[in-house]
Amino acid sequence: MDEKKYNIINEKSIDTILNSLTNSQIISYISNDIVNILIENKEKLETLIINENDPLYSNKIPKIKIEDYITRFFTYSKIEISTLILSYIYIKRFIHKENYIISFRNIFRLIMSCTILAIKFNENKVYKNTFYAKVGGFDVDDLNNLEYDIFYRLDFNLRVLDSEFYEIILKIYKDIYDEG
């Protein structure tokens, strides 16, 4: 977003836009975007050699839908919607930076680790990883390793510019209300 557009957007209007969106709309948007990326990657995965040593790789594919997984974690961990949006930004940033091909074998682990990073960066009340591991269906040692791995691969940079955050909120809003 260029600086001129950013200056037009003030904090009040962003709060108004964010408050006009329900949590379920935002979760649905994020989930659908991730599923669309998975669908786009399907052809790439057919020719890709899978790195089973990648910490994000999982032998098991969870049977839960992505939207249900995110909703469950959001509900039981009682995180702010802004934290979930940060997690989404980290996921997109990771995919872009690493030129990473997400699949059903790694997306749940990526969602979980990015959400943990977002919680620790954004929330005032943070629980121990044992709590988040239980809610997300992970072994706590595995979660700790994933958290560090993603943090490292993001170059320890969790800062999100206001303009980047606002741009995502506006995109979600426009996509939801343009589709009706």
C-alpha atoms as a PDB file:
ATOM      1  CA  MET A   1       0.000   0.000   0.000  1.00  0.00           C
ATOM      2  CA  ASP A   2       1.546   3.320  -0.960  1.00  0.00           C
ATOM      3  CA  GLU A   3       1.980   6.060   1.641  1.00  0.00           C
ATOM      4  CA  LYS A   4      -0.643   8.289   0.020  1.00  0.00           C
ATOM      5  CA  LYS A   5      -3.350   5.637   0.380  1.00  0.00           C
ATOM      6  CA  TYR A   6      -2.152   4.834   3.884  1.00  0.00           C
ATOM      7  CA  ASN A   7      -2.495   8.464   4.988  1.00  0.00           C
ATOM      8  CA  ILE A   8      -6.131   8.461   3.881  1.00  0.00           C
ATOM      9  CA  ILE A   9      -6.848   5.542   6.176  1.00  0.00           C
ATOM     10  CA  ASN A  10      -7.012   6.547   9.788  1.00  0.00           C
ATOM     11  CA  GLU A  11      -7.174   4.304  12.803  1.00  0.00           C
ATOM     12  CA  LYS A  12     -10.837   5.083  13.403  1.00  0.00           C
ATOM     13  CA  SER A  13     -11.923   3.924   9.958  1.00  0.00           C
ATOM     14  CA  ILE A  14      -9.904   0.699  10.273  1.00  0.00           C
ATOM     15  CA  ASP A  15     -11.471   0.001  13.669  1.00  0.00           C
ATOM     16  CA  THR A  16     -14.890   0.623  12.116  1.00  0.00           C
ATOM     17  CA  ILE A  17     -14.130  -1.779   9.263  1.00  0.00           C
ATOM     18  CA  LEU A  18     -12.710  -4.428  11.602  1.00  0.00           C
ATOM     19  CA  ASN A  19     -15.710  -4.113  13.928  1.00  0.00           C
ATOM     20  CA  SER A  20     -18.079  -4.553  10.979  1.00  0.00           C
ATOM     21  CA  LEU A  21     -16.585  -7.983  10.292  1.00  0.00           C
ATOM     22  CA  THR A  22     -17.532 -10.959  12.423  1.00  0.00           C
ATOM     23  CA  ASN A  23     -14.881 -13.319  13.726  1.00  0.00           C
ATOM     24  CA  SER A  24     -16.431 -16.135  11.708  1.00  0.00           C
ATOM     25  CA  GLN A  25     -16.223 -14.033   8.508  1.00  0.00           C
ATOM     26  CA  ILE A  26     -12.519 -13.377   9.111  1.00  0.00           C
ATOM     27  CA  ILE A  27     -11.813 -17.027   9.976  1.00  0.00           C
ATOM     28  CA  SER A  28     -13.724 -18.141   6.889  1.00  0.00           C
ATOM     29  CA  TYR A  29     -11.800 -15.704   4.675  1.00  0.00           C
ATOM     30  CA  ILE A  30      -8.421 -16.839   6.014  1.00  0.00           C
ATOM     31  CA  SER A  31      -9.380 -20.515   5.721  1.00  0.00           C
ATOM     32  CA  ASN A  32     -10.674 -20.125   2.179  1.00  0.00           C
ATOM     33  CA  ASP A  33      -7.532 -18.293   1.116  1.00  0.00           C
ATOM     34  CA  ILE A  34      -5.351 -21.059   2.546  1.00  0.00           C
ATOM     35  CA  VAL A  35      -7.481 -23.733   0.845  1.00  0.00           C
ATOM     36  CA  ASN A  36      -7.181 -21.847  -2.463  1.00  0.00           C
ATOM     37  CA  ILE A  37      -3.391 -21.847  -2.106  1.00  0.00           C
ATOM     38  CA  LEU A  38      -3.507 -25.591  -1.391  1.00  0.00           C
ATOM     39  CA  ILE A  39      -5.559 -26.139  -4.546  1.00  0.00           C
ATOM     40  CA  GLU A  40      -3.120 -24.039  -6.601  1.00  0.00           C
ATOM     41  CA  ASN A  41      -0.231 -26.085  -5.211  1.00  0.00           C
ATOM     42  CA  LYS A  42      -1.765 -29.454  -6.114  1.00  0.00           C
ATOM     43  CA  GLU A  43      -0.033 -29.607  -9.525  1.00  0.00           C
ATOM     44  CA  LYS A  44       3.292 -28.415  -8.093  1.00  0.00           C
ATOM     45  CA  LEU A  45       3.180 -31.149  -5.474  1.00  0.00           C
ATOM     46  CA  GLU A  46       2.955 -33.871  -8.125  1.00  0.00           C
ATOM     47  CA  THR A  47       6.459 -33.052  -9.383  1.00  0.00           C
ATOM     48  CA  LEU A  48       7.970 -31.899  -6.092  1.00  0.00           C
ATOM     49  CA  ILE A  49      10.269 -34.110  -4.085  1.00  0.00           C
ATOM     50  CA  ILE A  50       8.897 -33.980  -0.550  1.00  0.00           C
ATOM     51  CA  ASN A  51      11.425 -33.189   2.152  1.00  0.00           C
ATOM     52  CA  GLU A  52      10.341 -35.436   4.997  1.00  0.00           C
ATOM     53  CA  ASN A  53      13.033 -33.844   7.191  1.00  0.00           C
ATOM     54  CA  ASP A  54      11.305 -30.472   7.034  1.00  0.00           C
ATOM     55  CA  PRO A  55      10.072 -29.728  10.586  1.00  0.00           C
ATOM     56  CA  LEU A  56       6.705 -28.733   9.131  1.00  0.00           C
ATOM     57  CA  TYR A  57       6.233 -32.085   7.383  1.00  0.00           C
ATOM     58  CA  SER A  58       3.738 -34.426   9.016  1.00  0.00           C
ATOM     59  CA  ASN A  59       3.207 -38.112   8.308  1.00  0.00           C
ATOM     60  CA  LYS A  60      -0.421 -37.715   9.340  1.00  0.00           C
ATOM     61  CA  ILE A  61      -2.964 -35.473   7.706  1.00  0.00           C
ATOM     62  CA  PRO A  62      -5.508 -34.260  10.256  1.00  0.00           C
ATOM     63  CA  LYS A  63      -9.089 -35.148   9.389  1.00  0.00           C
ATOM     64  CA  ILE A  64     -10.396 -31.757  10.523  1.00  0.00           C
ATOM     65  CA  LYS A  65     -11.196 -28.993   8.021  1.00  0.00           C
ATOM     66  CA  ILE A  66      -8.860 -25.991   8.114  1.00  0.00           C
ATOM     67  CA  GLU A  67     -11.713 -23.638   8.994  1.00  0.00           C
ATOM     68  CA  ASP A  68     -12.820 -25.892  11.855  1.00  0.00           C
ATOM     69  CA  TYR A  69      -9.232 -26.156  13.119  1.00  0.00           C
ATOM     70  CA  ILE A  70      -8.747 -22.391  13.134  1.00  0.00           C
ATOM     71  CA  THR A  71     -12.173 -21.854  14.721  1.00  0.00           C
ATOM     72  CA  ARG A  72     -11.414 -24.417  17.429  1.00  0.00           C
ATOM     73  CA  PHE A  73      -8.053 -22.875  18.252  1.00  0.00           C
ATOM     74  CA  PHE A  74      -9.484 -19.346  18.178  1.00  0.00           C
ATOM     75  CA  THR A  75     -12.378 -20.299  20.457  1.00  0.00           C
ATOM     76  CA  TYR A  76     -10.496 -22.300  23.086  1.00  0.00           C
ATOM     77  CA  SER A  77      -7.392 -20.125  23.278  1.00  0.00           C
ATOM     78  CA  LYS A  78      -9.490 -16.939  23.510  1.00  0.00           C
ATOM     79  CA  ILE A  79      -7.131 -14.932  21.310  1.00  0.00           C
ATOM     80  CA  GLU A  80      -7.933 -11.570  19.779  1.00  0.00           C
ATOM     81  CA  ILE A  81      -9.016 -11.485  16.132  1.00  0.00           C
ATOM     82  CA  SER A  82      -6.049  -9.179  15.466  1.00  0.00           C
ATOM     83  CA  THR A  83      -3.768 -12.015  16.593  1.00  0.00           C
ATOM     84  CA  LEU A  84      -5.373 -14.349  14.088  1.00  0.00           C
ATOM     85  CA  ILE A  85      -4.853 -11.752  11.350  1.00  0.00           C
ATOM     86  CA  LEU A  86      -1.184 -11.455  12.377  1.00  0.00           C
ATOM     87  CA  SER A  87      -0.880 -15.223  12.147  1.00  0.00           C
ATOM     88  CA  TYR A  88      -2.311 -15.082   8.632  1.00  0.00           C
ATOM     89  CA  ILE A  89       0.224 -12.388   7.703  1.00  0.00           C
ATOM     90  CA  TYR A  90       3.055 -14.562   9.067  1.00  0.00           C
ATOM     91  CA  ILE A  91       1.801 -17.559   7.073  1.00  0.00           C
ATOM     92  CA  LYS A  92       1.724 -15.506   3.863  1.00  0.00           C
ATOM     93  CA  ARG A  93       5.117 -13.978   4.672  1.00  0.00           C
ATOM     94  CA  PHE A  94       6.626 -17.414   5.300  1.00  0.00           C
ATOM     95  CA  ILE A  95       5.221 -18.873   2.082  1.00  0.00           C
ATOM     96  CA  HIS A  96       6.560 -15.928   0.091  1.00  0.00           C
ATOM     97  CA  LYS A  97       9.967 -15.679   1.780  1.00  0.00           C
ATOM     98  CA  GLU A  98      10.716 -19.385   1.656  1.00  0.00           C
ATOM     99  CA  ASN A  99       8.973 -19.934  -1.691  1.00  0.00           C
ATOM    100  CA  TYR A 100       7.283 -22.640   0.331  1.00  0.00           C
ATOM    101  CA  ILE A 101       4.758 -25.036  -1.160  1.00  0.00           C
ATOM    102  CA  ILE A 102       2.057 -25.732   1.411  1.00  0.00           C
ATOM    103  CA  SER A 103       0.164 -29.003   1.431  1.00  0.00           C
ATOM    104  CA  PHE A 104      -2.140 -30.880   3.767  1.00  0.00           C
ATOM    105  CA  ARG A 105       1.017 -32.481   5.194  1.00  0.00           C
ATOM    106  CA  ASN A 106       2.356 -29.170   6.510  1.00  0.00           C
ATOM    107  CA  ILE A 107      -0.380 -26.524   6.656  1.00  0.00           C
ATOM    108  CA  PHE A 108      -1.726 -27.390  10.114  1.00  0.00           C
ATOM    109  CA  ARG A 109       1.771 -27.225  11.576  1.00  0.00           C
ATOM    110  CA  LEU A 110       2.386 -23.899   9.826  1.00  0.00           C
ATOM    111  CA  ILE A 111      -0.926 -22.470  11.062  1.00  0.00           C
ATOM    112  CA  MET A 112      -0.180 -23.563  14.617  1.00  0.00           C
ATOM    113  CA  SER A 113       3.384 -22.260  14.753  1.00  0.00           C
ATOM    114  CA  CYS A 114       2.503 -18.904  13.154  1.00  0.00           C
ATOM    115  CA  THR A 115      -0.432 -18.515  15.523  1.00  0.00           C
ATOM    116  CA  ILE A 116       1.789 -19.180  18.552  1.00  0.00           C
ATOM    117  CA  LEU A 117       4.233 -16.533  17.332  1.00  0.00           C
ATOM    118  CA  ALA A 118       1.371 -14.076  16.801  1.00  0.00           C
ATOM    119  CA  ILE A 119       0.017 -14.767  20.290  1.00  0.00           C
ATOM    120  CA  LYS A 120       3.377 -14.096  21.897  1.00  0.00           C
ATOM    121  CA  PHE A 121       3.846 -10.945  19.855  1.00  0.00           C
ATOM    122  CA  ASN A 122       0.341  -9.506  20.203  1.00  0.00           C
ATOM    123  CA  GLU A 123      -1.507 -10.822  23.252  1.00  0.00           C
ATOM    124  CA  ASN A 124      -1.375  -9.379  26.747  1.00  0.00           C
ATOM    125  CA  LYS A 125      -2.239 -12.702  28.363  1.00  0.00           C
ATOM    126  CA  VAL A 126      -0.113 -15.581  27.118  1.00  0.00           C
ATOM    127  CA  TYR A 127      -0.429 -19.145  28.374  1.00  0.00           C
ATOM    128  CA  LYS A 128       2.277 -21.791  28.443  1.00  0.00           C
ATOM    129  CA  ASN A 129       2.882 -23.770  25.272  1.00  0.00           C
ATOM    130  CA  THR A 130       1.498 -26.862  27.034  1.00  0.00           C
ATOM    131  CA  PHE A 131      -1.950 -25.230  26.908  1.00  0.00           C
ATOM    132  CA  TYR A 132      -1.677 -24.257  23.229  1.00  0.00           C
ATOM    133  CA  ALA A 133      -0.267 -27.665  22.334  1.00  0.00           C
ATOM    134  CA  LYS A 134      -3.264 -29.359  23.935  1.00  0.00           C
ATOM    135  CA  VAL A 135      -5.749 -27.068  22.151  1.00  0.00           C
ATOM    136  CA  GLY A 136      -3.961 -27.498  18.807  1.00  0.00           C
ATOM    137  CA  GLY A 137      -3.401 -31.252  19.109  1.00  0.00           C
ATOM    138  CA  PHE A 138       0.394 -31.117  19.325  1.00  0.00           C
ATOM    139  CA  ASP A 139       3.114 -32.543  21.500  1.00  0.00           C
ATOM    140  CA  VAL A 140       4.559 -29.593  23.444  1.00  0.00           C
ATOM    141  CA  ASP A 141       8.180 -30.384  22.485  1.00  0.00           C
ATOM    142  CA  ASP A 142       7.162 -30.556  18.834  1.00  0.00           C
ATOM    143  CA  LEU A 143       5.350 -27.228  19.151  1.00  0.00           C
ATOM    144  CA  ASN A 144       8.368 -25.606  20.816  1.00  0.00           C
ATOM    145  CA  ASN A 145      10.614 -26.787  17.975  1.00  0.00           C
ATOM    146  CA  LEU A 146       8.161 -25.600  15.320  1.00  0.00           C
ATOM    147  CA  GLU A 147       7.827 -22.215  16.969  1.00  0.00           C
ATOM    148  CA  TYR A 148      11.580 -21.693  16.956  1.00  0.00           C
ATOM    149  CA  ASP A 149      11.968 -23.029  13.408  1.00  0.00           C
ATOM    150  CA  ILE A 150       9.403 -20.648  11.938  1.00  0.00           C
ATOM    151  CA  PHE A 151      10.682 -17.723  14.015  1.00  0.00           C
ATOM    152  CA  TYR A 152      14.174 -18.423  12.680  1.00  0.00           C
ATOM    153  CA  ARG A 153      12.975 -18.814   9.068  1.00  0.00           C
ATOM    154  CA  LEU A 154      11.131 -15.491   9.370  1.00  0.00           C
ATOM    155  CA  ASP A 155      14.481 -13.953  10.365  1.00  0.00           C
ATOM    156  CA  PHE A 156      13.086 -13.292  13.856  1.00  0.00           C
ATOM    157  CA  ASN A 157      10.960 -10.543  12.327  1.00  0.00           C
ATOM    158  CA  LEU A 158       7.408 -10.518  13.626  1.00  0.00           C
ATOM    159  CA  ARG A 159       6.875  -6.803  13.178  1.00  0.00           C
ATOM    160  CA  VAL A 160       3.976  -5.943  10.902  1.00  0.00           C
ATOM    161  CA  LEU A 161       3.648  -2.380   9.701  1.00  0.00           C
ATOM    162  CA  ASP A 162       0.320  -0.706  10.366  1.00  0.00           C
ATOM    163  CA  SER A 163      -0.084  -0.220   6.623  1.00  0.00           C
ATOM    164  CA  GLU A 164       0.392  -3.963   6.005  1.00  0.00           C
ATOM    165  CA  PHE A 165      -2.126  -4.854   8.719  1.00  0.00           C
ATOM    166  CA  TYR A 166      -4.657  -2.311   7.437  1.00  0.00           C
ATOM    167  CA  GLU A 167      -4.220  -3.502   3.870  1.00  0.00           C
ATOM    168  CA  ILE A 168      -5.139  -7.059   4.910  1.00  0.00           C
ATOM    169  CA  ILE A 169      -8.214  -5.856   6.817  1.00  0.00           C
ATOM    170  CA  LEU A 170      -9.354  -3.808   3.820  1.00  0.00           C
ATOM    171  CA  LYS A 171      -8.803  -6.753   1.481  1.00  0.00           C
ATOM    172  CA  ILE A 172     -10.829  -9.049   3.730  1.00  0.00           C
ATOM    173  CA  TYR A 173     -13.606  -6.467   3.973  1.00  0.00           C
ATOM    174  CA  LYS A 174     -13.725  -5.808   0.229  1.00  0.00           C
ATOM    175  CA  ASP A 175     -13.627  -9.507  -0.661  1.00  0.00           C
ATOM    176  CA  ILE A 176     -16.399 -10.348   1.801  1.00  0.00           C
ATOM    177  CA  TYR A 177     -18.722  -7.497   0.875  1.00  0.00           C
ATOM    178  CA  ASP A 178     -17.989  -7.537  -2.860  1.00  0.00           C
ATOM    179  CA  GLU A 179     -19.001 -11.208  -2.906  1.00  0.00           C
ATOM    180  CA  GLY A 180     -22.159 -10.346  -1.011  1.00  0.00           C
END
